[in-house]
Amino acid sequence: MSEPAEPKRPALSKAPYRGTRDFLPEEMSVRGQVFAALYRVLESHGYQRYDGPLLEPMEIYEAKSGDEIGGKQLFHLVDQGGRRLAIRPEMTPSLARIVAGHLHELVLPVRWYSHINCHRYERPQRGRLREHWQINVDVMGAESAYAEAEIFRVVHELMRALGGTERDYVLRANDRALMQAALTRYVDPAPETVRGVYRVLDGWAKTDEAQSHEALDRLGVDAAGIQKIQQLLKIQLDELGEVVSSEQLQSSRLVRVLREQLVPFPVEFDMGIIRGFDYYTSTVFEVFDNDPQNRRSLFGGGRYDSLTALFGGDAVPAIGFGMGDVTVFDFLTAHGLTPAADCAPHVVCIPISPEERGYSEEIAARLRSVGLRVVVPLEDAKLKNELKRAVRRGAAVAAIAGGDERARSVVSLRDLTASETQEVGLDQVGAAVRKIVDRS
């Protein structure tokens, strides 16, 4: 008696997990070009690349990343040893841990950057996904305002490397220490509600005013306090002396950068820039797109002078930012700056018969040695069919190898964009193909 057939299983989904993406070769080519341009800027300023683990103890995010990132948005697990781990939602706590652990080996200040994928459990929407790739740029071990100035300069040069001009974006900055001093003086929120007040202020521009007022009311801020907060959010740089002391102004690195014009690019002072992470201690900033169809924050960062102290030892002054790929590519799309894909083979070397495969591989090796992308077909097929495949692949040239060409040490080159054929010597094949590729 035959065994009953197993029930047919439903096909697995072809879609990636919600909020994540697949990147096909053409997309990876575009991304590679964009990231390479950003790497060049960073490395020209002496920033060195580092990396860290995807998994970290949950405690390092719960301590200082804020309730939203450190709680609601963490992808987390418990390992077989009972340790609570998180899939990293950001890189700054990992960087602080790494620097604290190697502090005796480092020559401060360090200029480091990383390019990592981050995971946050949030509702996917424009500019936000559950997985994104982020370039993180940090200076650790520098207390002076020159660190702020350098970071701002790097931000502008990165935007310029993307093709942006100063008309396309704006960098807005604030000093959270000054905002805290002003809040304490005029509103005096209860200590246990300060973090909540900051969260409301961080979302002020993106939230209905009535909702913001209700949120502050729930935190114990009365009507007079709410009115004063609205006034503080509109304070300009030259009005700061009216709401904070002269000593507090003099201690602000951001105020020094702006008043002494330490960067040759515009930086707007904006008391409404707060940033959501609890570890920021003073300077905070964000870069905004000016395009009316994408008028939003692209990325930001700030100074976090006490984060390494969580791991014992001395606090190391630090400032940095994270530049996420989702909003960067939204910016490129909005301004028509996305580069074209460039990953197709330049040349397909086609052997006329199996006996000429060795000659095709020799031609391919010569072409690769001069920096060309070259493929040799993996199946024996008719020349007509291979030429069609070469066109579909986007190749510019077909290098055809037959017995007669091998005997004479020549190659038949077919320009696939102009439908022209020429014969060149084997020693000249690299230069001849490069000429065709450059004009195609």
Protein backbone atom coordinates (compact mmCIF):
# COMPACT_ATOMS: atom_id res chain seq x y z
CA MET A 1 0.00 0.00 0.00
CA SER A 2 1.51 3.33 -1.05
CA GLU A 3 2.01 6.11 1.45
CA PRO A 4 -0.32 9.11 1.14
CA ALA A 5 1.21 12.04 -0.73
CA GLU A 6 2.32 14.94 1.40
CA PRO A 7 0.08 17.99 1.10
CA LYS A 8 1.49 20.57 -1.25
CA ARG A 9 3.06 23.45 0.63
CA PRO A 10 2.23 26.99 -0.42
CA ALA A 11 4.99 28.78 -2.27
CA LEU A 12 7.18 31.03 -0.15
CA SER A 13 6.79 34.76 -0.62
CA LYS A 14 9.10 36.41 -3.14
CA ALA A 15 8.88 39.76 -1.30
CA PRO A 16 11.49 40.86 1.26
CA TYR A 17 10.45 41.37 4.87
CA ARG A 18 8.36 44.52 5.30
CA GLY A 19 10.53 47.62 5.52
CA THR A 20 13.59 45.98 3.95
CA ARG A 21 14.81 45.99 0.36
CA ASP A 22 16.49 43.85 -2.29
CA PHE A 23 19.16 45.56 -4.38
CA LEU A 24 19.70 44.24 -7.90
CA PRO A 25 23.06 44.82 -9.65
CA GLU A 26 21.94 48.03 -11.38
CA GLU A 27 20.80 49.48 -8.05
CA MET A 28 24.02 48.37 -6.37
CA SER A 29 25.98 50.11 -9.12
CA VAL A 30 24.17 53.39 -8.42
CA ARG A 31 24.60 52.99 -4.67
CA GLY A 32 28.27 52.11 -5.06
CA GLN A 33 28.93 55.28 -7.07
CA VAL A 34 27.17 57.46 -4.48
CA PHE A 35 28.90 55.89 -1.49
CA ALA A 36 32.31 55.96 -3.19
CA ALA A 37 31.95 59.72 -3.69
CA LEU A 38 31.13 60.14 0.01
CA TYR A 39 34.03 57.92 1.08
CA ARG A 40 36.43 60.06 -0.95
CA VAL A 41 35.32 63.21 0.86
CA LEU A 42 35.67 61.62 4.29
CA GLU A 43 39.06 60.08 3.61
CA SER A 44 40.34 63.36 2.15
CA HIS A 45 39.70 64.83 5.61
CA GLY A 46 41.61 62.02 7.32
CA TYR A 47 38.60 59.98 8.48
CA GLN A 48 39.36 56.28 8.83
CA ARG A 49 36.83 53.50 8.38
CA TYR A 50 35.93 51.13 11.22
CA ASP A 51 33.15 48.63 11.93
CA GLY A 52 31.44 46.84 14.80
CA PRO A 53 29.07 43.94 15.48
CA LEU A 54 25.46 43.75 14.36
CA LEU A 55 24.45 42.47 17.81
CA GLU A 56 24.95 44.50 20.99
CA PRO A 57 23.68 44.22 24.57
CA MET A 58 20.27 45.86 24.85
CA GLU A 59 21.44 47.90 27.83
CA ILE A 60 23.64 50.21 25.76
CA TYR A 61 20.56 51.45 23.87
CA GLU A 62 18.23 51.49 26.86
CA ALA A 63 20.70 53.66 28.78
CA LYS A 64 20.97 56.67 26.47
CA SER A 65 19.29 56.22 23.07
CA GLY A 66 15.89 57.39 24.34
CA ASP A 67 12.64 55.54 24.92
CA GLU A 68 11.65 55.33 21.24
CA ILE A 69 14.89 53.78 19.93
CA GLY A 70 15.92 52.12 23.18
CA GLY A 71 12.53 50.53 23.74
CA LYS A 72 9.78 50.43 21.13
CA GLN A 73 11.95 50.18 18.02
CA LEU A 74 14.52 47.58 19.08
CA PHE A 75 14.66 44.24 17.31
CA HIS A 76 15.80 42.07 20.19
CA LEU A 77 16.45 38.47 21.19
CA VAL A 78 17.72 36.38 24.08
CA ASP A 79 20.66 34.10 23.30
CA GLN A 80 21.15 30.59 24.66
CA GLY A 81 23.03 32.00 27.62
CA GLY A 82 20.12 34.22 28.59
CA ARG A 83 21.78 37.45 27.43
CA ARG A 84 19.46 40.17 26.09
CA LEU A 85 20.73 41.33 22.71
CA ALA A 86 19.57 43.92 20.17
CA ILE A 87 20.12 44.18 16.44
CA ARG A 88 21.77 47.59 16.27
CA PRO A 89 19.38 50.47 15.55
CA GLU A 90 22.26 52.97 15.35
CA MET A 91 26.06 53.05 15.64
CA THR A 92 26.92 55.75 18.19
CA PRO A 93 26.62 53.58 21.35
CA SER A 94 28.77 50.90 19.68
CA LEU A 95 31.36 53.53 18.78
CA ALA A 96 31.43 54.78 22.36
CA ARG A 97 31.94 51.22 23.60
CA ILE A 98 34.74 50.57 21.09
CA VAL A 99 36.58 53.80 21.92
CA ALA A 100 36.16 53.27 25.68
CA GLY A 101 37.57 49.76 25.32
CA HIS A 102 40.61 50.85 23.30
CA LEU A 103 41.19 54.29 24.75
CA HIS A 104 44.73 53.53 25.93
CA GLU A 105 45.70 52.55 22.36
CA LEU A 106 44.30 55.59 20.56
CA VAL A 107 45.86 58.93 19.71
CA LEU A 108 43.08 61.46 20.27
CA PRO A 109 41.30 63.00 18.57
CA VAL A 110 40.22 60.18 16.27
CA ARG A 111 38.34 60.82 13.05
CA TRP A 112 36.38 57.69 12.17
CA TYR A 113 33.57 56.72 9.84
CA SER A 114 31.54 53.58 9.29
CA HIS A 115 28.93 52.38 6.81
CA ILE A 116 26.59 49.90 8.43
CA ASN A 117 23.03 48.62 8.22
CA CYS A 118 20.68 49.51 11.08
CA HIS A 119 17.37 47.97 12.08
CA ARG A 120 14.41 49.68 13.75
CA TYR A 121 10.93 48.30 14.21
CA GLU A 122 8.91 51.24 12.95
CA ARG A 123 6.12 51.83 10.46
CA PRO A 124 7.65 51.93 6.96
CA GLN A 125 6.97 55.25 5.24
CA ARG A 126 8.68 57.79 3.02
CA GLY A 127 12.16 58.35 4.41
CA ARG A 128 11.86 55.57 7.03
CA LEU A 129 12.25 51.81 6.68
CA ARG A 130 12.94 48.99 9.10
CA GLU A 131 16.41 48.44 7.67
CA HIS A 132 18.60 51.20 6.33
CA TRP A 133 22.26 51.74 5.54
CA GLN A 134 23.95 54.63 7.28
CA ILE A 135 27.29 56.41 7.01
CA ASN A 136 28.39 57.52 10.47
CA VAL A 137 31.02 60.24 10.85
CA ASP A 138 32.53 61.09 14.24
CA VAL A 139 35.34 63.03 15.90
CA MET A 140 36.18 61.75 19.37
CA GLY A 141 38.56 63.44 21.80
CA ALA A 142 38.19 67.07 20.69
CA GLU A 143 36.63 69.63 23.04
CA SER A 144 37.03 72.82 21.02
CA ALA A 145 34.58 74.49 18.66
CA TYR A 146 36.91 73.58 15.81
CA ALA A 147 35.41 70.06 15.97
CA GLU A 148 31.95 71.51 15.28
CA ALA A 149 33.40 73.61 12.48
CA GLU A 150 35.07 70.59 10.88
CA ILE A 151 31.94 68.46 11.10
CA PHE A 152 29.87 71.24 9.48
CA ARG A 153 32.48 71.61 6.75
CA VAL A 154 32.42 67.85 6.10
CA VAL A 155 28.60 67.89 5.92
CA HIS A 156 28.68 70.59 3.24
CA GLU A 157 31.35 68.79 1.23
CA LEU A 158 29.37 65.54 1.38
CA MET A 159 26.29 67.33 0.08
CA ARG A 160 28.39 68.88 -2.67
CA ALA A 161 29.75 65.42 -3.56
CA LEU A 162 26.14 64.32 -4.04
CA GLY A 163 25.73 67.14 -6.54
CA GLY A 164 23.82 69.45 -4.23
CA THR A 165 24.29 73.21 -4.07
CA GLU A 166 23.61 75.57 -1.18
CA ARG A 167 20.22 76.33 -2.76
CA ASP A 168 19.20 72.69 -2.43
CA TYR A 169 19.58 72.19 1.32
CA VAL A 170 20.07 74.01 4.62
CA LEU A 171 22.02 73.07 7.75
CA ARG A 172 20.24 74.15 10.95
CA ALA A 173 21.86 73.90 14.38
CA ASN A 174 21.07 74.48 18.03
CA ASP A 175 22.74 74.09 21.43
CA ARG A 176 20.70 71.85 23.71
CA ALA A 177 22.58 73.17 26.74
CA LEU A 178 21.29 76.68 25.95
CA MET A 179 17.78 75.37 25.38
CA GLN A 180 17.89 73.52 28.70
CA ALA A 181 19.09 76.64 30.48
CA ALA A 182 16.27 78.68 28.94
CA LEU A 183 13.67 76.03 29.76
CA THR A 184 14.87 75.84 33.35
CA ARG A 185 14.72 79.63 33.67
CA TYR A 186 11.31 80.21 32.14
CA VAL A 187 9.40 76.92 32.33
CA ASP A 188 11.22 74.84 34.97
CA PRO A 189 9.77 71.44 34.06
CA ALA A 190 9.98 68.73 36.69
CA PRO A 191 13.24 66.72 36.34
CA GLU A 192 11.37 63.52 35.54
CA THR A 193 9.53 65.20 32.64
CA VAL A 194 12.49 66.93 30.92
CA ARG A 195 13.08 64.01 28.54
CA GLY A 196 9.40 64.03 27.62
CA VAL A 197 9.46 67.77 26.96
CA TYR A 198 12.46 67.32 24.66
CA ARG A 199 10.62 64.62 22.73
CA VAL A 200 7.68 66.95 22.20
CA LEU A 201 9.99 69.74 21.04
CA ASP A 202 11.85 67.38 18.72
CA GLY A 203 8.61 66.65 16.85
CA TRP A 204 7.18 70.18 17.09
CA ALA A 205 7.54 71.10 13.41
CA LYS A 206 6.03 67.77 12.28
CA THR A 207 3.10 67.67 14.75
CA ASP A 208 -0.20 69.53 14.94
CA GLU A 209 0.16 72.43 17.37
CA ALA A 210 -2.84 71.36 19.43
CA GLN A 211 -1.37 67.88 19.86
CA SER A 212 1.94 69.35 21.00
CA HIS A 213 0.14 71.55 23.52
CA GLU A 214 -1.78 68.53 24.83
CA ALA A 215 1.42 66.53 25.18
CA LEU A 216 3.09 69.34 27.15
CA ASP A 217 -0.01 69.71 29.33
CA ARG A 218 0.17 66.00 30.19
CA LEU A 219 3.79 66.57 31.23
CA GLY A 220 2.70 69.25 33.68
CA VAL A 221 3.61 72.33 31.63
CA ASP A 222 0.98 75.01 32.21
CA ALA A 223 -0.43 77.45 29.63
CA ALA A 224 2.13 80.15 30.49
CA GLY A 225 4.95 77.62 30.11
CA ILE A 226 3.64 76.46 26.73
CA GLN A 227 3.48 80.05 25.55
CA LYS A 228 7.07 80.63 26.68
CA ILE A 229 8.24 77.49 24.88
CA GLN A 230 6.65 78.79 21.68
CA GLN A 231 8.57 82.04 22.13
CA LEU A 232 11.85 80.22 22.85
CA LEU A 233 11.52 78.18 19.67
CA LYS A 234 11.54 81.43 17.66
CA ILE A 235 14.63 82.98 19.35
CA GLN A 236 17.32 84.14 16.94
CA LEU A 237 21.07 84.01 17.51
CA ASP A 238 21.39 87.71 18.37
CA GLU A 239 18.54 87.37 20.89
CA LEU A 240 20.09 84.59 22.96
CA GLY A 241 21.47 87.07 25.49
CA GLU A 242 17.88 87.79 26.51
CA VAL A 243 17.17 84.21 27.62
CA VAL A 244 20.50 82.78 28.87
CA SER A 245 23.43 84.19 30.83
CA SER A 246 26.59 85.60 29.24
CA GLU A 247 28.59 82.73 30.80
CA GLN A 248 26.34 80.18 29.14
CA LEU A 249 26.71 81.96 25.81
CA GLN A 250 30.49 82.07 26.12
CA SER A 251 30.64 78.34 26.84
CA SER A 252 28.65 77.44 23.71
CA ARG A 253 30.84 76.06 20.95
CA LEU A 254 28.03 76.51 18.43
CA VAL A 255 27.67 80.21 19.25
CA ARG A 256 31.38 80.64 18.70
CA VAL A 257 31.23 78.84 15.33
CA LEU A 258 28.39 81.07 14.18
CA ARG A 259 29.63 84.39 15.56
CA GLU A 260 33.21 83.94 14.41
CA GLN A 261 32.10 82.37 11.10
CA LEU A 262 34.47 79.42 11.50
CA VAL A 263 32.97 77.75 8.42
CA PRO A 264 32.61 79.40 5.00
CA PHE A 265 29.14 77.89 4.51
CA PRO A 266 25.77 79.05 5.83
CA VAL A 267 24.65 77.47 9.11
CA GLU A 268 21.27 78.62 10.44
CA PHE A 269 20.64 78.88 14.16
CA ASP A 270 17.33 77.20 15.07
CA MET A 271 16.15 76.65 18.66
CA GLY A 272 13.70 74.08 17.32
CA ILE A 273 16.46 71.60 16.50
CA ILE A 274 16.49 69.20 19.45
CA ARG A 275 17.25 65.66 18.17
CA GLY A 276 15.67 62.66 19.85
CA PHE A 277 18.64 60.87 21.39
CA ASP A 278 19.14 61.42 25.11
CA TYR A 279 22.94 61.32 24.84
CA TYR A 280 23.29 64.69 23.08
CA THR A 281 24.87 67.24 25.43
CA SER A 282 25.11 70.54 23.52
CA THR A 283 25.45 71.13 19.75
CA VAL A 284 22.78 69.41 17.65
CA PHE A 285 22.07 69.91 13.95
CA GLU A 286 20.05 68.65 11.01
CA VAL A 287 20.29 69.00 7.24
CA PHE A 288 17.00 69.77 5.47
CA ASP A 289 16.04 69.42 1.82
CA ASN A 290 14.73 72.66 0.31
CA ASP A 291 12.84 70.93 -2.51
CA PRO A 292 9.08 71.57 -1.98
CA GLN A 293 8.33 67.93 -2.85
CA ASN A 294 10.82 66.61 -0.28
CA ARG A 295 10.95 69.33 2.38
CA ARG A 296 12.15 67.22 5.25
CA SER A 297 15.14 66.43 7.44
CA LEU A 298 17.72 64.36 5.57
CA PHE A 299 20.09 63.56 8.43
CA GLY A 300 21.65 65.05 11.53
CA GLY A 301 23.80 64.61 14.59
CA GLY A 302 25.38 66.42 17.47
CA ARG A 303 27.81 66.46 20.38
CA TYR A 304 27.73 63.65 22.94
CA ASP A 305 30.45 64.34 25.50
CA SER A 306 29.55 61.80 28.16
CA LEU A 307 28.54 58.60 26.34
CA THR A 308 31.83 56.73 26.83
CA ALA A 309 31.51 57.19 30.61
CA LEU A 310 28.72 54.57 30.55
CA PHE A 311 31.45 52.00 30.04
CA GLY A 312 33.61 53.19 32.95
CA GLY A 313 36.59 55.51 32.91
CA ASP A 314 36.74 59.04 31.61
CA ALA A 315 34.19 60.73 29.40
CA VAL A 316 35.56 61.43 25.93
CA PRO A 317 34.19 64.53 24.16
CA ALA A 318 32.66 63.62 20.82
CA ILE A 319 30.62 64.97 17.95
CA GLY A 320 29.26 63.24 14.88
CA PHE A 321 26.32 62.45 12.63
CA GLY A 322 24.60 59.62 10.80
CA MET A 323 23.66 59.90 7.12
CA GLY A 324 21.01 57.35 6.15
CA ASP A 325 20.67 56.00 2.63
CA VAL A 326 16.87 56.27 2.39
CA THR A 327 16.74 60.06 2.74
CA VAL A 328 19.96 60.54 0.75
CA PHE A 329 18.43 58.79 -2.25
CA ASP A 330 15.17 60.71 -1.77
CA PHE A 331 17.29 63.87 -2.04
CA LEU A 332 19.04 62.63 -5.19
CA THR A 333 15.70 61.72 -6.78
CA ALA A 334 14.08 65.04 -5.89
CA HIS A 335 16.93 67.02 -7.46
CA GLY A 336 17.55 64.76 -10.46
CA LEU A 337 21.04 63.86 -9.23
CA THR A 338 20.89 60.06 -9.19
CA PRO A 339 23.75 58.65 -11.31
CA ALA A 340 23.11 56.10 -14.04
CA ALA A 341 23.92 52.45 -13.39
CA ASP A 342 27.32 51.38 -14.67
CA CYS A 343 27.74 47.66 -14.17
CA ALA A 344 27.21 46.05 -17.59
CA PRO A 345 30.19 44.22 -19.13
CA HIS A 346 32.17 46.34 -21.53
CA VAL A 347 33.03 43.36 -23.69
CA VAL A 348 31.74 39.87 -24.40
CA CYS A 349 34.47 37.59 -25.82
CA ILE A 350 32.71 35.03 -28.04
CA PRO A 351 34.50 31.90 -29.26
CA ILE A 352 33.24 30.72 -32.64
CA SER A 353 33.68 27.10 -31.55
CA PRO A 354 34.74 25.18 -28.42
CA GLU A 355 38.25 24.95 -29.86
CA GLU A 356 38.59 28.76 -29.76
CA ARG A 357 37.58 29.09 -26.08
CA GLY A 358 41.23 29.25 -25.02
CA TYR A 359 41.88 32.13 -27.44
CA SER A 360 38.77 33.97 -26.15
CA GLU A 361 40.06 33.62 -22.59
CA GLU A 362 43.44 35.03 -23.68
CA ILE A 363 41.72 38.03 -25.27
CA ALA A 364 39.59 38.49 -22.15
CA ALA A 365 42.67 38.46 -19.91
CA ARG A 366 44.31 41.17 -22.00
CA LEU A 367 41.18 43.33 -21.85
CA ARG A 368 40.78 42.88 -18.08
CA SER A 369 44.40 43.91 -17.57
CA VAL A 370 43.53 47.40 -18.87
CA GLY A 371 40.55 47.78 -16.55
CA LEU A 372 37.69 46.59 -18.73
CA ARG A 373 34.77 44.43 -17.56
CA VAL A 374 34.78 41.27 -19.68
CA VAL A 375 32.73 38.09 -19.79
CA VAL A 376 33.15 34.89 -21.75
CA PRO A 377 29.97 32.85 -22.45
CA LEU A 378 29.64 29.77 -20.25
CA GLU A 379 27.76 27.71 -22.83
CA ASP A 380 28.57 26.88 -26.44
CA ALA A 381 25.98 28.59 -28.62
CA LYS A 382 25.55 30.06 -32.08
CA LEU A 383 27.26 33.42 -32.68
CA LYS A 384 23.93 35.05 -33.56
CA ASN A 385 22.45 34.06 -30.21
CA GLU A 386 25.49 35.21 -28.21
CA LEU A 387 25.46 38.58 -29.97
CA LYS A 388 21.80 39.03 -28.97
CA ARG A 389 22.66 38.18 -25.34
CA ALA A 390 25.58 40.62 -25.42
CA VAL A 391 23.25 43.41 -26.51
CA ARG A 392 20.73 42.49 -23.81
CA ARG A 393 23.52 42.58 -21.19
CA GLY A 394 24.36 46.11 -22.29
CA ALA A 395 27.84 45.30 -23.58
CA ALA A 396 29.46 47.83 -25.90
CA VAL A 397 31.70 45.40 -27.80
CA ALA A 398 31.77 41.77 -28.90
CA ALA A 399 35.27 40.35 -29.39
CA ILE A 400 34.88 37.40 -31.77
CA ALA A 401 37.52 34.69 -31.82
CA GLY A 402 37.68 32.15 -34.67
CA GLY A 403 40.34 29.78 -35.94
CA ASP A 404 41.39 32.17 -38.70
CA GLU A 405 41.74 35.10 -36.24
CA ARG A 406 43.78 32.96 -33.83
CA ALA A 407 46.11 31.85 -36.61
CA ARG A 408 46.76 35.50 -37.56
CA SER A 409 46.79 36.80 -33.93
CA VAL A 410 43.96 39.22 -34.62
CA VAL A 411 40.55 39.87 -33.09
CA SER A 412 37.30 40.77 -34.78
CA LEU A 413 35.63 43.58 -32.79
CA ARG A 414 31.97 44.38 -33.30
CA ASP A 415 30.73 47.72 -31.99
CA LEU A 416 27.30 46.73 -30.66
CA THR A 417 26.00 50.30 -30.52
CA ALA A 418 27.02 51.28 -34.06
CA SER A 419 26.82 47.82 -35.69
CA GLU A 420 30.32 48.24 -37.10
CA THR A 421 33.06 45.60 -37.24
CA GLN A 422 36.83 46.01 -37.37
CA GLU A 423 39.79 43.70 -37.14
CA VAL A 424 42.73 44.57 -34.88
CA GLY A 425 45.94 42.87 -33.82
CA LEU A 426 45.97 41.07 -30.48
CA ASP A 427 48.49 43.56 -29.09
CA GLN A 428 46.22 46.50 -29.97
CA VAL A 429 42.94 45.00 -28.74
CA GLY A 430 42.93 46.83 -25.38
CA ALA A 431 43.36 50.29 -26.87
CA ALA A 432 40.86 49.60 -29.66
CA VAL A 433 38.15 48.38 -27.28
CA ARG A 434 38.76 51.23 -24.85
CA LYS A 435 38.20 53.72 -27.72
CA ILE A 436 34.84 52.10 -28.58
CA VAL A 437 33.74 51.93 -24.94
CA ASP A 438 34.63 55.59 -24.28
CA ARG A 439 32.49 56.85 -27.15
CA SER A 440 29.54 54.51 -26.57
